[in-house]
Amino acid sequence: MKLILTQEVNGLGAPGDVVDVKDGFGRNYLVPQGLATAWTKGGEKQVIQIKRARSKREVRDREHALEIKATLESGPVVLSARAGSEGRLFGSITVSDIAEAIRTVDVDKRKITVSAPIKTAGKHTINVRLHPEVVAEVVLDVRGKK
């Protein structure tokens, strides 16, 4: 079964890639999850559009990734959230919240890795995978507000 990937799938490909997978994997997992669409002859326009959008937000090369890493690691990213008197947050900090807080660099939220849920105020370390060889360790300073 030929499919066009709409999102990155580990071990399979990146958005815009045309892949050939087993029928069950494509029909039961990739298409229902929104990770791929069926390949058609008219889908070539879609492939070109996805690749164009990906090239705009993609890190160009390793040197560019190192520049972004230096920017991200230059200082802590401050994020405020509602918290109780003990510093425990009402809810948790999500990857979307972190991506929004890192507005200086356009980072895809799927590239952010949080080791454990962030449910307390204080400093936490998160990883941002910028390039296959470059991972930035960002210090996130969560401040509680009432």
Protein backbone atom coordinates (compact mmCIF):
# COMPACT_ATOMS: atom_id res chain seq x y z
CA MET A 1 0.00 0.00 0.00
CA LYS A 2 1.44 3.38 -1.00
CA LEU A 3 0.86 6.28 1.40
CA ILE A 4 1.90 9.91 1.74
CA LEU A 5 3.12 10.69 5.26
CA THR A 6 1.59 13.83 6.76
CA GLN A 7 3.59 13.67 10.01
CA GLU A 8 6.93 12.22 11.05
CA VAL A 9 6.80 8.50 11.87
CA ASN A 10 9.87 7.04 13.59
CA GLY A 11 11.57 4.42 11.48
CA LEU A 12 9.39 5.14 8.45
CA GLY A 13 9.87 8.69 7.20
CA ALA A 14 9.18 12.39 7.40
CA PRO A 15 6.19 14.43 6.25
CA GLY A 16 5.81 14.44 2.48
CA ASP A 17 7.56 11.11 1.94
CA VAL A 18 5.81 8.51 -0.19
CA VAL A 19 6.20 5.13 1.54
CA ASP A 20 5.16 1.59 0.75
CA VAL A 21 3.81 -0.24 3.83
CA LYS A 22 1.82 -3.38 4.52
CA ASP A 23 -1.91 -2.98 4.00
CA GLY A 24 -2.89 -3.63 7.63
CA PHE A 25 -0.37 -1.15 9.06
CA GLY A 26 -1.54 1.58 6.71
CA ARG A 27 -5.27 0.91 6.93
CA ASN A 28 -5.43 0.21 10.70
CA TYR A 29 -2.84 2.58 12.12
CA LEU A 30 -1.35 5.26 9.85
CA VAL A 31 -4.51 6.53 8.13
CA PRO A 32 -6.85 6.51 11.21
CA GLN A 33 -4.22 8.29 13.35
CA GLY A 34 -3.87 11.00 10.70
CA LEU A 35 -0.22 10.16 10.11
CA ALA A 36 -0.70 9.42 6.40
CA THR A 37 -3.10 9.75 3.48
CA ALA A 38 -3.65 7.47 0.53
CA TRP A 39 -1.32 8.03 -2.44
CA THR A 40 -2.94 9.10 -5.67
CA LYS A 41 -1.62 10.56 -8.89
CA GLY A 42 -3.12 13.89 -7.86
CA GLY A 43 -1.36 13.59 -4.51
CA GLU A 44 1.88 14.86 -6.02
CA LYS A 45 0.70 18.43 -5.40
CA GLN A 46 0.12 17.52 -1.75
CA VAL A 47 3.63 16.03 -1.50
CA ILE A 48 5.17 19.21 -2.91
CA GLN A 49 3.14 21.39 -0.54
CA ILE A 50 4.09 19.32 2.53
CA LYS A 51 7.79 19.35 1.60
CA ARG A 52 7.73 23.11 1.01
CA ALA A 53 6.19 23.72 4.46
CA ARG A 54 8.67 21.32 6.06
CA SER A 55 11.68 23.05 4.48
CA LYS A 56 10.59 26.40 5.93
CA ARG A 57 10.59 25.19 9.54
CA GLU A 58 13.28 22.53 9.27
CA VAL A 59 16.75 23.01 10.63
CA ARG A 60 18.99 23.41 7.61
CA ASP A 61 22.11 21.56 8.78
CA ARG A 62 24.20 20.65 11.81
CA GLU A 63 25.76 24.12 12.12
CA HIS A 64 22.32 25.76 12.10
CA ALA A 65 21.19 23.30 14.79
CA LEU A 66 24.21 24.23 16.93
CA GLU A 67 23.31 27.93 16.62
CA ILE A 68 19.74 27.21 17.76
CA LYS A 69 21.08 25.04 20.59
CA ALA A 70 23.27 27.91 21.83
CA THR A 71 20.25 30.24 21.78
CA LEU A 72 18.06 27.80 23.70
CA GLU A 73 20.71 26.97 26.30
CA SER A 74 21.71 30.62 26.88
CA GLY A 75 19.34 31.02 29.81
CA PRO A 76 16.34 29.51 31.52
CA VAL A 77 12.95 29.69 29.86
CA VAL A 78 10.50 31.25 32.32
CA LEU A 79 6.97 29.89 32.40
CA SER A 80 4.26 30.82 34.90
CA ALA A 81 1.31 28.67 35.88
CA ARG A 82 -1.32 28.62 38.60
CA ALA A 83 -0.08 26.89 41.73
CA GLY A 84 -1.09 26.24 45.29
CA SER A 85 0.70 27.44 48.42
CA GLU A 86 3.08 24.46 48.43
CA GLY A 87 4.23 25.13 44.85
CA ARG A 88 2.19 22.30 43.36
CA LEU A 89 0.63 23.23 40.02
CA PHE A 90 -3.05 22.97 39.18
CA GLY A 91 -2.62 20.56 36.27
CA SER A 92 0.72 20.18 34.55
CA ILE A 93 2.94 21.91 32.02
CA THR A 94 2.41 20.42 28.56
CA VAL A 95 4.71 20.25 25.56
CA SER A 96 2.49 22.83 23.84
CA ASP A 97 3.03 25.24 26.74
CA ILE A 98 6.79 24.77 26.46
CA ALA A 99 6.77 25.28 22.68
CA GLU A 100 4.81 28.50 23.14
CA ALA A 101 7.27 29.72 25.80
CA ILE A 102 10.21 29.14 23.43
CA ARG A 103 8.99 31.69 20.89
CA THR A 104 12.45 33.03 20.08
CA VAL A 105 13.10 29.90 18.01
CA ASP A 106 10.41 28.16 15.98
CA VAL A 107 10.49 24.68 17.55
CA ASP A 108 8.09 21.92 16.57
CA LYS A 109 6.38 20.57 19.69
CA ARG A 110 6.98 17.00 18.53
CA LYS A 111 10.72 17.61 18.95
CA ILE A 112 10.38 18.43 22.67
CA THR A 113 10.92 15.59 25.15
CA VAL A 114 9.84 15.82 28.78
CA SER A 115 11.09 12.95 30.95
CA ALA A 116 8.36 13.22 33.60
CA PRO A 117 5.19 15.32 33.92
CA ILE A 118 5.95 18.81 35.24
CA LYS A 119 3.57 19.34 38.16
CA THR A 120 5.63 21.47 40.54
CA ALA A 121 7.13 24.95 40.46
CA GLY A 122 10.90 25.17 40.17
CA LYS A 123 13.59 24.33 37.64
CA HIS A 124 13.19 21.40 35.28
CA THR A 125 15.34 20.17 32.40
CA ILE A 126 13.80 19.26 29.05
CA ASN A 127 15.36 18.03 25.81
CA VAL A 128 14.76 19.50 22.36
CA ARG A 129 15.87 17.31 19.43
CA LEU A 130 16.96 19.82 16.79
CA HIS A 131 18.91 17.49 14.49
CA PRO A 132 19.71 13.76 14.59
CA GLU A 133 23.10 14.65 16.09
CA VAL A 134 22.13 17.73 18.15
CA VAL A 135 19.98 17.73 21.29
CA ALA A 136 19.58 20.89 23.37
CA GLU A 137 19.05 20.66 27.12
CA VAL A 138 16.82 23.56 28.08
CA VAL A 139 16.30 24.70 31.67
CA LEU A 140 12.64 25.48 32.28
CA ASP A 141 11.92 27.73 35.25
CA VAL A 142 8.30 27.20 36.29
CA ARG A 143 6.97 29.93 38.55
CA GLY A 144 3.76 29.49 40.46
CA LYS A 145 1.18 32.24 40.57
CA LYS A 146 -1.99 32.41 42.56
